[in-house]
Amino acid sequence: MNEDIVLLLDIYGELLPKSQQTALDLRFNSDLSLGEIAEEMGGISRQSVNDFIKKGKNRLLELEEVLGSAAKFREITEELDKVSEVLESAPSSSENARIKQSISKIKNVLNS
């Protein structure tokens, strides 16, 4: 679940209010506790942090349900992995090398 939230935050984070974005980032990317996040966000209450996280997660899930970008990302990545596996078992050739380079470039773009 945390991996899902991190991916959704990467994709949709800019669409969240700054408070939700910051709380989610500190929780899931920096692995801070509610108390540490509260302190980092200027001394707000842990309950406020908890509310920001809960509302932010819900909004990310709503966005994914409507837009489906994370699902598409996963599907593309899985298909690229399958192609890479096939290429690994195929005899080496310059064409295979070019395809592997293309797959690598696509993965880099997807992960940036």
PDB file of N, CA and C in Angstrom:
ATOM      1  N   MET A   1       0.824  -1.203   0.000  1.00  0.00           N
ATOM      2  CA  MET A   1       0.000   0.000   0.000  1.00  0.00           C
ATOM      3  C   MET A   1       0.862   1.259   0.000  1.00  0.00           C
ATOM      4  N   ASN A   2       1.938   1.273   0.800  1.00  0.00           N
ATOM      5  CA  ASN A   2       2.810   2.452   0.829  1.00  0.00           C
ATOM      6  C   ASN A   2       3.440   2.722  -0.530  1.00  0.00           C
ATOM      7  N   GLU A   3       3.828   1.645  -1.236  1.00  0.00           N
ATOM      8  CA  GLU A   3       4.384   1.813  -2.579  1.00  0.00           C
ATOM      9  C   GLU A   3       3.367   2.463  -3.495  1.00  0.00           C
ATOM     10  N   ASP A   4       2.112   2.062  -3.359  1.00  0.00           N
ATOM     11  CA  ASP A   4       1.051   2.639  -4.173  1.00  0.00           C
ATOM     12  C   ASP A   4       0.907   4.132  -3.898  1.00  0.00           C
ATOM     13  N   ILE A   5       0.924   4.506  -2.636  1.00  0.00           N
ATOM     14  CA  ILE A   5       0.774   5.918  -2.272  1.00  0.00           C
ATOM     15  C   ILE A   5       1.961   6.722  -2.783  1.00  0.00           C
ATOM     16  N   VAL A   6       3.154   6.178  -2.687  1.00  0.00           N
ATOM     17  CA  VAL A   6       4.346   6.878  -3.180  1.00  0.00           C
ATOM     18  C   VAL A   6       4.225   7.124  -4.684  1.00  0.00           C
ATOM     19  N   LEU A   7       3.805   6.106  -5.426  1.00  0.00           N
ATOM     20  CA  LEU A   7       3.629   6.266  -6.868  1.00  0.00           C
ATOM     21  C   LEU A   7       2.539   7.287  -7.172  1.00  0.00           C
ATOM     22  N   LEU A   8       1.415   7.189  -6.487  1.00  0.00           N
ATOM     23  CA  LEU A   8       0.325   8.144  -6.702  1.00  0.00           C
ATOM     24  C   LEU A   8       0.759   9.562  -6.341  1.00  0.00           C
ATOM     25  N   LEU A   9       1.533   9.691  -5.296  1.00  0.00           N
ATOM     26  CA  LEU A   9       2.040  11.003  -4.892  1.00  0.00           C
ATOM     27  C   LEU A   9       2.976  11.564  -5.959  1.00  0.00           C
ATOM     28  N   ASP A  10       3.803  10.702  -6.533  1.00  0.00           N
ATOM     29  CA  ASP A  10       4.685  11.146  -7.616  1.00  0.00           C
ATOM     30  C   ASP A  10       3.876  11.637  -8.818  1.00  0.00           C
ATOM     31  N   ILE A  11       2.804  10.942  -9.123  1.00  0.00           N
ATOM     32  CA  ILE A  11       2.014  11.275 -10.309  1.00  0.00           C
ATOM     33  C   ILE A  11       1.084  12.464 -10.063  1.00  0.00           C
ATOM     34  N   TYR A  12       0.363  12.446  -8.952  1.00  0.00           N
ATOM     35  CA  TYR A  12      -0.701  13.430  -8.718  1.00  0.00           C
ATOM     36  C   TYR A  12      -0.413  14.432  -7.605  1.00  0.00           C
ATOM     37  N   GLY A  13       0.734  14.326  -6.970  1.00  0.00           N
ATOM     38  CA  GLY A  13       1.015  15.149  -5.789  1.00  0.00           C
ATOM     39  C   GLY A  13       0.821  16.634  -5.985  1.00  0.00           C
ATOM     40  N   GLU A  14       1.186  17.146  -7.154  1.00  0.00           N
ATOM     41  CA  GLU A  14       1.056  18.585  -7.420  1.00  0.00           C
ATOM     42  C   GLU A  14      -0.396  19.044  -7.439  1.00  0.00           C
ATOM     43  N   LEU A  15      -1.331  18.112  -7.538  1.00  0.00           N
ATOM     44  CA  LEU A  15      -2.747  18.465  -7.570  1.00  0.00           C
ATOM     45  C   LEU A  15      -3.351  18.584  -6.170  1.00  0.00           C
ATOM     46  N   LEU A  16      -2.601  18.194  -5.166  1.00  0.00           N
ATOM     47  CA  LEU A  16      -3.070  18.264  -3.780  1.00  0.00           C
ATOM     48  C   LEU A  16      -2.761  19.624  -3.173  1.00  0.00           C
ATOM     49  N   PRO A  17      -3.538  19.999  -2.148  1.00  0.00           N
ATOM     50  CA  PRO A  17      -3.140  21.180  -1.378  1.00  0.00           C
ATOM     51  C   PRO A  17      -1.750  20.953  -0.785  1.00  0.00           C
ATOM     52  N   LYS A  18      -1.000  22.029  -0.644  1.00  0.00           N
ATOM     53  CA  LYS A  18       0.394  21.937  -0.170  1.00  0.00           C
ATOM     54  C   LYS A  18       0.496  21.192   1.168  1.00  0.00           C
ATOM     55  N   SER A  19      -0.443  21.424   2.058  1.00  0.00           N
ATOM     56  CA  SER A  19      -0.393  20.765   3.376  1.00  0.00           C
ATOM     57  C   SER A  19      -0.501  19.250   3.250  1.00  0.00           C
ATOM     58  N   GLN A  20      -1.406  18.776   2.392  1.00  0.00           N
ATOM     59  CA  GLN A  20      -1.563  17.335   2.186  1.00  0.00           C
ATOM     60  C   GLN A  20      -0.337  16.760   1.479  1.00  0.00           C
ATOM     61  N   GLN A  21       0.135  17.470   0.479  1.00  0.00           N
ATOM     62  CA  GLN A  21       1.310  17.017  -0.268  1.00  0.00           C
ATOM     63  C   GLN A  21       2.518  16.886   0.661  1.00  0.00           C
ATOM     64  N   THR A  22       2.743  17.898   1.492  1.00  0.00           N
ATOM     65  CA  THR A  22       3.888  17.885   2.405  1.00  0.00           C
ATOM     66  C   THR A  22       3.764  16.759   3.426  1.00  0.00           C
ATOM     67  N   ALA A  23       2.582  16.615   4.019  1.00  0.00           N
ATOM     68  CA  ALA A  23       2.374  15.576   5.036  1.00  0.00           C
ATOM     69  C   ALA A  23       2.587  14.183   4.439  1.00  0.00           C
ATOM     70  N   LEU A  24       2.043  13.950   3.246  1.00  0.00           N
ATOM     71  CA  LEU A  24       2.212  12.645   2.602  1.00  0.00           C
ATOM     72  C   LEU A  24       3.669  12.396   2.234  1.00  0.00           C
ATOM     73  N   ASP A  25       4.339  13.412   1.720  1.00  0.00           N
ATOM     74  CA  ASP A  25       5.749  13.268   1.355  1.00  0.00           C
ATOM     75  C   ASP A  25       6.598  12.922   2.572  1.00  0.00           C
ATOM     76  N   LEU A  26       6.388  13.640   3.655  1.00  0.00           N
ATOM     77  CA  LEU A  26       7.176  13.390   4.861  1.00  0.00           C
ATOM     78  C   LEU A  26       6.867  12.018   5.453  1.00  0.00           C
ATOM     79  N   ARG A  27       5.622  11.588   5.343  1.00  0.00           N
ATOM     80  CA  ARG A  27       5.230  10.295   5.907  1.00  0.00           C
ATOM     81  C   ARG A  27       5.753   9.128   5.064  1.00  0.00           C
ATOM     82  N   PHE A  28       5.528   9.193   3.750  1.00  0.00           N
ATOM     83  CA  PHE A  28       5.803   8.027   2.911  1.00  0.00           C
ATOM     84  C   PHE A  28       7.163   8.061   2.227  1.00  0.00           C
ATOM     85  N   ASN A  29       7.714   9.226   1.972  1.00  0.00           N
ATOM     86  CA  ASN A  29       9.035   9.291   1.350  1.00  0.00           C
ATOM     87  C   ASN A  29      10.148   9.460   2.381  1.00  0.00           C
ATOM     88  N   SER A  30       9.850  10.165   3.474  1.00  0.00           N
ATOM     89  CA  SER A  30      10.868  10.374   4.516  1.00  0.00           C
ATOM     90  C   SER A  30      10.658   9.486   5.733  1.00  0.00           C
ATOM     91  N   ASP A  31       9.522   8.777   5.786  1.00  0.00           N
ATOM     92  CA  ASP A  31       9.202   7.833   6.863  1.00  0.00           C
ATOM     93  C   ASP A  31       9.220   8.482   8.242  1.00  0.00           C
ATOM     94  N   LEU A  32       8.695   9.707   8.330  1.00  0.00           N
ATOM     95  CA  LEU A  32       8.629  10.393   9.622  1.00  0.00           C
ATOM     96  C   LEU A  32       7.354  10.011  10.360  1.00  0.00           C
ATOM     97  N   SER A  33       7.398  10.103  11.671  1.00  0.00           N
ATOM     98  CA  SER A  33       6.219   9.847  12.494  1.00  0.00           C
ATOM     99  C   SER A  33       5.293  11.055  12.434  1.00  0.00           C
ATOM    100  N   LEU A  34       4.071  10.881  12.933  1.00  0.00           N
ATOM    101  CA  LEU A  34       3.124  12.003  12.963  1.00  0.00           C
ATOM    102  C   LEU A  34       3.688  13.172  13.766  1.00  0.00           C
ATOM    103  N   GLY A  35       4.324  12.867  14.880  1.00  0.00           N
ATOM    104  CA  GLY A  35       4.910  13.913  15.718  1.00  0.00           C
ATOM    105  C   GLY A  35       6.034  14.649  15.006  1.00  0.00           C
ATOM    106  N   GLU A  36       6.877  13.904  14.309  1.00  0.00           N
ATOM    107  CA  GLU A  36       7.974  14.531  13.573  1.00  0.00           C
ATOM    108  C   GLU A  36       7.445  15.399  12.432  1.00  0.00           C
ATOM    109  N   ILE A  37       6.399  14.909  11.768  1.00  0.00           N
ATOM    110  CA  ILE A  37       5.798  15.691  10.684  1.00  0.00           C
ATOM    111  C   ILE A  37       5.168  16.957  11.244  1.00  0.00           C
ATOM    112  N   ALA A  38       4.472  16.831  12.372  1.00  0.00           N
ATOM    113  CA  ALA A  38       3.831  17.989  13.000  1.00  0.00           C
ATOM    114  C   ALA A  38       4.863  19.062  13.317  1.00  0.00           C
ATOM    115  N   GLU A  39       5.983  18.640  13.843  1.00  0.00           N
ATOM    116  CA  GLU A  39       7.058  19.573  14.161  1.00  0.00           C
ATOM    117  C   GLU A  39       7.633  20.200  12.895  1.00  0.00           C
ATOM    118  N   GLU A  40       7.857  19.374  11.887  1.00  0.00           N
ATOM    119  CA  GLU A  40       8.413  19.838  10.615  1.00  0.00           C
ATOM    120  C   GLU A  40       7.483  20.841   9.921  1.00  0.00           C
ATOM    121  N   MET A  41       6.186  20.673  10.131  1.00  0.00           N
ATOM    122  CA  MET A  41       5.203  21.547   9.483  1.00  0.00           C
ATOM    123  C   MET A  41       4.849  22.758  10.343  1.00  0.00           C
ATOM    124  N   GLY A  42       5.710  23.093  11.254  1.00  0.00           N
ATOM    125  CA  GLY A  42       5.522  24.324  12.023  1.00  0.00           C
ATOM    126  C   GLY A  42       4.820  24.168  13.352  1.00  0.00           C
ATOM    127  N   GLY A  43       4.832  22.984  13.895  1.00  0.00           N
ATOM    128  CA  GLY A  43       4.261  22.780  15.215  1.00  0.00           C
ATOM    129  C   GLY A  43       2.752  22.576  15.226  1.00  0.00           C
ATOM    130  N   ILE A  44       2.191  22.101  14.116  1.00  0.00           N
ATOM    131  CA  ILE A  44       0.762  21.808  14.098  1.00  0.00           C
ATOM    132  C   ILE A  44       0.513  20.544  14.907  1.00  0.00           C
ATOM    133  N   SER A  45      -0.743  20.218  15.158  1.00  0.00           N
ATOM    134  CA  SER A  45      -1.058  19.037  15.957  1.00  0.00           C
ATOM    135  C   SER A  45      -0.877  17.755  15.148  1.00  0.00           C
ATOM    136  N   ARG A  46      -0.653  16.661  15.862  1.00  0.00           N
ATOM    137  CA  ARG A  46      -0.554  15.355  15.197  1.00  0.00           C
ATOM    138  C   ARG A  46      -1.878  14.994  14.540  1.00  0.00           C
ATOM    139  N   GLN A  47      -2.977  15.427  15.148  1.00  0.00           N
ATOM    140  CA  GLN A  47      -4.301  15.164  14.569  1.00  0.00           C
ATOM    141  C   GLN A  47      -4.451  15.868  13.223  1.00  0.00           C
ATOM    142  N   SER A  48      -3.931  17.084  13.131  1.00  0.00           N
ATOM    143  CA  SER A  48      -3.976  17.804  11.845  1.00  0.00           C
ATOM    144  C   SER A  48      -3.159  17.061  10.794  1.00  0.00           C
ATOM    145  N   VAL A  49      -1.993  16.583  11.190  1.00  0.00           N
ATOM    146  CA  VAL A  49      -1.156  15.808  10.268  1.00  0.00           C
ATOM    147  C   VAL A  49      -1.914  14.573   9.819  1.00  0.00           C
ATOM    148  N   ASN A  50      -2.513  13.877  10.764  1.00  0.00           N
ATOM    149  CA  ASN A  50      -3.275  12.673  10.449  1.00  0.00           C
ATOM    150  C   ASN A  50      -4.406  12.993   9.466  1.00  0.00           C
ATOM    151  N   ASP A  51      -5.092  14.098   9.684  1.00  0.00           N
ATOM    152  CA  ASP A  51      -6.166  14.516   8.777  1.00  0.00           C
ATOM    153  C   ASP A  51      -5.631  14.826   7.383  1.00  0.00           C
ATOM    154  N   PHE A  52      -4.500  15.542   7.309  1.00  0.00           N
ATOM    155  CA  PHE A  52      -3.888  15.852   6.009  1.00  0.00           C
ATOM    156  C   PHE A  52      -3.541  14.573   5.258  1.00  0.00           C
ATOM    157  N   ILE A  53      -2.975  13.611   5.977  1.00  0.00           N
ATOM    158  CA  ILE A  53      -2.577  12.347   5.353  1.00  0.00           C
ATOM    159  C   ILE A  53      -3.803  11.582   4.864  1.00  0.00           C
ATOM    160  N   LYS A  54      -4.805  11.486   5.716  1.00  0.00           N
ATOM    161  CA  LYS A  54      -6.016  10.746   5.359  1.00  0.00           C
ATOM    162  C   LYS A  54      -6.714  11.379   4.155  1.00  0.00           C
ATOM    163  N   LYS A  55      -6.901  12.687   4.187  1.00  0.00           N
ATOM    164  CA  LYS A  55      -7.568  13.376   3.079  1.00  0.00           C
ATOM    165  C   LYS A  55      -6.725  13.303   1.807  1.00  0.00           C
ATOM    166  N   GLY A  56      -5.415  13.444   1.946  1.00  0.00           N
ATOM    167  CA  GLY A  56      -4.530  13.366   0.792  1.00  0.00           C
ATOM    168  C   GLY A  56      -4.553  11.998   0.146  1.00  0.00           C
ATOM    169  N   LYS A  57      -4.497  10.944   0.960  1.00  0.00           N
ATOM    170  CA  LYS A  57      -4.552   9.587   0.429  1.00  0.00           C
ATOM    171  C   LYS A  57      -5.865   9.354  -0.306  1.00  0.00           C
ATOM    172  N   ASN A  58      -6.958   9.791   0.301  1.00  0.00           N
ATOM    173  CA  ASN A  58      -8.261   9.613  -0.332  1.00  0.00           C
ATOM    174  C   ASN A  58      -8.328  10.341  -1.674  1.00  0.00           C
ATOM    175  N   ARG A  59      -7.776  11.553  -1.722  1.00  0.00           N
ATOM    176  CA  ARG A  59      -7.792  12.324  -2.964  1.00  0.00           C
ATOM    177  C   ARG A  59      -6.925  11.653  -4.034  1.00  0.00           C
ATOM    178  N   LEU A  60      -5.768  11.145  -3.643  1.00  0.00           N
ATOM    179  CA  LEU A  60      -4.908  10.436  -4.596  1.00  0.00           C
ATOM    180  C   LEU A  60      -5.627   9.218  -5.177  1.00  0.00           C
ATOM    181  N   LEU A  61      -6.318   8.478  -4.325  1.00  0.00           N
ATOM    182  CA  LEU A  61      -7.055   7.299  -4.783  1.00  0.00           C
ATOM    183  C   LEU A  61      -8.204   7.691  -5.711  1.00  0.00           C
ATOM    184  N   GLU A  62      -8.871   8.808  -5.410  1.00  0.00           N
ATOM    185  CA  GLU A  62      -9.940   9.302  -6.284  1.00  0.00           C
ATOM    186  C   GLU A  62      -9.381   9.683  -7.654  1.00  0.00           C
ATOM    187  N   LEU A  63      -8.265  10.392  -7.648  1.00  0.00           N
ATOM    188  CA  LEU A  63      -7.646  10.799  -8.912  1.00  0.00           C
ATOM    189  C   LEU A  63      -7.245   9.586  -9.744  1.00  0.00           C
ATOM    190  N   GLU A  64      -6.687   8.583  -9.087  1.00  0.00           N
ATOM    191  CA  GLU A  64      -6.280   7.380  -9.799  1.00  0.00           C
ATOM    192  C   GLU A  64      -7.495   6.648 -10.364  1.00  0.00           C
ATOM    193  N   GLU A  65      -8.570   6.626  -9.614  1.00  0.00           N
ATOM    194  CA  GLU A  65      -9.780   5.954 -10.088  1.00  0.00           C
ATOM    195  C   GLU A  65     -10.303   6.617 -11.366  1.00  0.00           C
ATOM    196  N   VAL A  66     -10.228   7.929 -11.431  1.00  0.00           N
ATOM    197  CA  VAL A  66     -10.722   8.665 -12.593  1.00  0.00           C
ATOM    198  C   VAL A  66      -9.721   8.633 -13.748  1.00  0.00           C
ATOM    199  N   LEU A  67      -8.449   8.870 -13.455  1.00  0.00           N
ATOM    200  CA  LEU A  67      -7.449   9.052 -14.504  1.00  0.00           C
ATOM    201  C   LEU A  67      -6.671   7.785 -14.862  1.00  0.00           C
ATOM    202  N   GLY A  68      -6.406   6.944 -13.880  1.00  0.00           N
ATOM    203  CA  GLY A  68      -5.751   5.663 -14.128  1.00  0.00           C
ATOM    204  C   GLY A  68      -4.299   5.721 -14.571  1.00  0.00           C
ATOM    205  N   SER A  69      -3.608   6.798 -14.286  1.00  0.00           N
ATOM    206  CA  SER A  69      -2.220   6.930 -14.744  1.00  0.00           C
ATOM    207  C   SER A  69      -1.283   5.920 -14.095  1.00  0.00           C
ATOM    208  N   ALA A  70      -1.460   5.634 -12.829  1.00  0.00           N
ATOM    209  CA  ALA A  70      -0.585   4.668 -12.151  1.00  0.00           C
ATOM    210  C   ALA A  70      -0.796   3.270 -12.720  1.00  0.00           C
ATOM    211  N   ALA A  71      -2.037   2.921 -13.004  1.00  0.00           N
ATOM    212  CA  ALA A  71      -2.318   1.605 -13.590  1.00  0.00           C
ATOM    213  C   ALA A  71      -1.668   1.493 -14.962  1.00  0.00           C
ATOM    214  N   LYS A  72      -1.748   2.555 -15.751  1.00  0.00           N
ATOM    215  CA  LYS A  72      -1.119   2.550 -17.068  1.00  0.00           C
ATOM    216  C   LYS A  72       0.395   2.453 -16.941  1.00  0.00           C
ATOM    217  N   PHE A  73       0.958   3.161 -15.977  1.00  0.00           N
ATOM    218  CA  PHE A  73       2.399   3.114 -15.722  1.00  0.00           C
ATOM    219  C   PHE A  73       2.830   1.689 -15.401  1.00  0.00           C
ATOM    220  N   ARG A  74       2.102   1.046 -14.492  1.00  0.00           N
ATOM    221  CA  ARG A  74       2.433  -0.330 -14.112  1.00  0.00           C
ATOM    222  C   ARG A  74       2.325  -1.285 -15.301  1.00  0.00           C
ATOM    223  N   GLU A  75       1.270  -1.119 -16.101  1.00  0.00           N
ATOM    224  CA  GLU A  75       1.069  -1.984 -17.257  1.00  0.00           C
ATOM    225  C   GLU A  75       2.212  -1.833 -18.262  1.00  0.00           C
ATOM    226  N   ILE A  76       2.596  -0.609 -18.545  1.00  0.00           N
ATOM    227  CA  ILE A  76       3.700  -0.369 -19.479  1.00  0.00           C
ATOM    228  C   ILE A  76       4.994  -0.965 -18.932  1.00  0.00           C
ATOM    229  N   THR A  77       5.252  -0.754 -17.658  1.00  0.00           N
ATOM    230  CA  THR A  77       6.468  -1.274 -17.037  1.00  0.00           C
ATOM    231  C   THR A  77       6.503  -2.803 -17.089  1.00  0.00           C
ATOM    232  N   GLU A  78       5.375  -3.440 -16.805  1.00  0.00           N
ATOM    233  CA  GLU A  78       5.316  -4.900 -16.858  1.00  0.00           C
ATOM    234  C   GLU A  78       5.569  -5.419 -18.269  1.00  0.00           C
ATOM    235  N   GLU A  79       4.998  -4.766 -19.260  1.00  0.00           N
ATOM    236  CA  GLU A  79       5.204  -5.188 -20.645  1.00  0.00           C
ATOM    237  C   GLU A  79       6.660  -4.994 -21.067  1.00  0.00           C
ATOM    238  N   LEU A  80       7.263  -3.891 -20.650  1.00  0.00           N
ATOM    239  CA  LEU A  80       8.683  -3.678 -20.956  1.00  0.00           C
ATOM    240  C   LEU A  80       9.550  -4.749 -20.306  1.00  0.00           C
ATOM    241  N   ASP A  81       9.197  -5.149 -19.092  1.00  0.00           N
ATOM    242  CA  ASP A  81       9.941  -6.223 -18.417  1.00  0.00           C
ATOM    243  C   ASP A  81       9.817  -7.547 -19.177  1.00  0.00           C
ATOM    244  N   LYS A  82       8.616  -7.822 -19.690  1.00  0.00           N
ATOM    245  CA  LYS A  82       8.415  -9.055 -20.473  1.00  0.00           C
ATOM    246  C   LYS A  82       9.266  -9.042 -21.737  1.00  0.00           C
ATOM    247  N   VAL A  83       9.287  -7.909 -22.430  1.00  0.00           N
ATOM    248  CA  VAL A  83      10.094  -7.796 -23.646  1.00  0.00           C
ATOM    249  C   VAL A  83      11.571  -7.968 -23.299  1.00  0.00           C
ATOM    250  N   SER A  84      12.002  -7.375 -22.195  1.00  0.00           N
ATOM    251  CA  SER A  84      13.396  -7.510 -21.773  1.00  0.00           C
ATOM    252  C   SER A  84      13.754  -8.966 -21.508  1.00  0.00           C
ATOM    253  N   GLU A  85      12.839  -9.695 -20.868  1.00  0.00           N
ATOM    254  CA  GLU A  85      13.079 -11.112 -20.596  1.00  0.00           C
ATOM    255  C   GLU A  85      13.230 -11.907 -21.888  1.00  0.00           C
ATOM    256  N   VAL A  86      12.381 -11.640 -22.867  1.00  0.00           N
ATOM    257  CA  VAL A  86      12.460 -12.334 -24.149  1.00  0.00           C
ATOM    258  C   VAL A  86      13.795 -12.034 -24.822  1.00  0.00           C
ATOM    259  N   LEU A  87      14.209 -10.778 -24.770  1.00  0.00           N
ATOM    260  CA  LEU A  87      15.482 -10.400 -25.387  1.00  0.00           C
ATOM    261  C   LEU A  87      16.670 -11.075 -24.707  1.00  0.00           C
ATOM    262  N   GLU A  88      16.579 -11.261 -23.406  1.00  0.00           N
ATOM    263  CA  GLU A  88      17.669 -11.911 -22.680  1.00  0.00           C
ATOM    264  C   GLU A  88      17.857 -13.353 -23.134  1.00  0.00           C
ATOM    265  N   SER A  89      16.764 -14.015 -23.499  1.00  0.00           N
ATOM    266  CA  SER A  89      16.876 -15.414 -23.913  1.00  0.00           C
ATOM    267  C   SER A  89      17.122 -15.564 -25.406  1.00  0.00           C
ATOM    268  N   ALA A  90      17.018 -14.470 -26.154  1.00  0.00           N
ATOM    269  CA  ALA A  90      17.245 -14.517 -27.602  1.00  0.00           C
ATOM    270  C   ALA A  90      18.740 -14.415 -27.900  1.00  0.00           C
ATOM    271  N   PRO A  91      19.153 -14.956 -29.028  1.00  0.00           N
ATOM    272  CA  PRO A  91      20.562 -14.813 -29.423  1.00  0.00           C
ATOM    273  C   PRO A  91      20.934 -13.331 -29.544  1.00  0.00           C
ATOM    274  N   SER A  92      22.152 -13.022 -29.169  1.00  0.00           N
ATOM    275  CA  SER A  92      22.608 -11.632 -29.215  1.00  0.00           C
ATOM    276  C   SER A  92      22.703 -11.147 -30.651  1.00  0.00           C
ATOM    277  N   SER A  93      22.324  -9.902 -30.830  1.00  0.00           N
ATOM    278  CA  SER A  93      22.469  -9.260 -32.134  1.00  0.00           C
ATOM    279  C   SER A  93      22.502  -7.757 -31.913  1.00  0.00           C
ATOM    280  N   SER A  94      22.926  -7.040 -32.934  1.00  0.00           N
ATOM    281  CA  SER A  94      22.963  -5.581 -32.807  1.00  0.00           C
ATOM    282  C   SER A  94      21.544  -5.021 -32.680  1.00  0.00           C
ATOM    283  N   GLU A  95      20.590  -5.691 -33.314  1.00  0.00           N
ATOM    284  CA  GLU A  95      19.185  -5.249 -33.209  1.00  0.00           C
ATOM    285  C   GLU A  95      18.678  -5.417 -31.783  1.00  0.00           C
ATOM    286  N   ASN A  96      19.010  -6.529 -31.161  1.00  0.00           N
ATOM    287  CA  ASN A  96      18.622  -6.746 -29.759  1.00  0.00           C
ATOM    288  C   ASN A  96      19.225  -5.673 -28.858  1.00  0.00           C
ATOM    289  N   ALA A  97      20.468  -5.335 -29.112  1.00  0.00           N
ATOM    290  CA  ALA A  97      21.142  -4.306 -28.315  1.00  0.00           C
ATOM    291  C   ALA A  97      20.417  -2.964 -28.447  1.00  0.00           C
ATOM    292  N   ARG A  98      19.986  -2.629 -29.664  1.00  0.00           N
ATOM    293  CA  ARG A  98      19.259  -1.368 -29.871  1.00  0.00           C
ATOM    294  C   ARG A  98      17.909  -1.399 -29.175  1.00  0.00           C
ATOM    295  N   ILE A  99      17.244  -2.530 -29.216  1.00  0.00           N
ATOM    296  CA  ILE A  99      15.945  -2.661 -28.539  1.00  0.00           C
ATOM    297  C   ILE A  99      16.125  -2.518 -27.033  1.00  0.00           C
ATOM    298  N   LYS A 100      17.165  -3.166 -26.493  1.00  0.00           N
ATOM    299  CA  LYS A 100      17.444  -3.052 -25.054  1.00  0.00           C
ATOM    300  C   LYS A 100      17.709  -1.603 -24.663  1.00  0.00           C
ATOM    301  N   GLN A 101      18.454  -0.881 -25.504  1.00  0.00           N
ATOM    302  CA  GLN A 101      18.715   0.536 -25.227  1.00  0.00           C
ATOM    303  C   GLN A 101      17.415   1.327 -25.236  1.00  0.00           C
ATOM    304  N   SER A 102      16.547   1.037 -26.183  1.00  0.00           N
ATOM    305  CA  SER A 102      15.262   1.736 -26.257  1.00  0.00           C
ATOM    306  C   SER A 102      14.413   1.456 -25.026  1.00  0.00           C
ATOM    307  N   ILE A 103      14.391   0.211 -24.597  1.00  0.00           N
ATOM    308  CA  ILE A 103      13.634  -0.156 -23.399  1.00  0.00           C
ATOM    309  C   ILE A 103      14.188   0.594 -22.198  1.00  0.00           C
ATOM    310  N   SER A 104      15.487   0.647 -22.086  1.00  0.00           N
ATOM    311  CA  SER A 104      16.126   1.355 -20.978  1.00  0.00           C
ATOM    312  C   SER A 104      15.760   2.835 -20.998  1.00  0.00           C
ATOM    313  N   LYS A 105      15.768   3.447 -22.165  1.00  0.00           N
ATOM    314  CA  LYS A 105      15.410   4.860 -22.266  1.00  0.00           C
ATOM    315  C   LYS A 105      13.945   5.082 -21.874  1.00  0.00           C
ATOM    316  N   ILE A 106      13.073   4.197 -22.332  1.00  0.00           N
ATOM    317  CA  ILE A 106      11.655   4.323 -21.993  1.00  0.00           C
ATOM    318  C   ILE A 106      11.468   4.222 -20.475  1.00  0.00           C
ATOM    319  N   LYS A 107      12.120   3.244 -19.851  1.00  0.00           N
ATOM    320  CA  LYS A 107      12.021   3.090 -18.398  1.00  0.00           C
ATOM    321  C   LYS A 107      12.541   4.319 -17.674  1.00  0.00           C
ATOM    322  N   ASN A 108      13.637   4.899 -18.159  1.00  0.00           N
ATOM    323  CA  ASN A 108      14.163   6.116 -17.537  1.00  0.00           C
ATOM    324  C   ASN A 108      13.166   7.263 -17.625  1.00  0.00           C
ATOM    325  N   VAL A 109      12.513   7.398 -18.768  1.00  0.00           N
ATOM    326  CA  VAL A 109      11.506   8.444 -18.929  1.00  0.00           C
ATOM    327  C   VAL A 109      10.324   8.196 -17.984  1.00  0.00           C
ATOM    328  N   LEU A 110       9.890   6.957 -17.899  1.00  0.00           N
ATOM    329  CA  LEU A 110       8.772   6.633 -17.022  1.00  0.00           C
ATOM    330  C   LEU A 110       9.092   6.888 -15.554  1.00  0.00           C
ATOM    331  N   ASN A 111      10.336   6.679 -15.173  1.00  0.00           N
ATOM    332  CA  ASN A 111      10.729   6.842 -13.778  1.00  0.00           C
ATOM    333  C   ASN A 111      11.179   8.255 -13.414  1.00  0.00           C
ATOM    334  N   SER A 112      11.194   9.134 -14.388  1.00  0.00           N
ATOM    335  CA  SER A 112      11.629  10.518 -14.071  1.00  0.00           C
ATOM    336  C   SER A 112      10.444  11.402 -13.754  1.00  0.00           C
TER     337      SER A 112
END
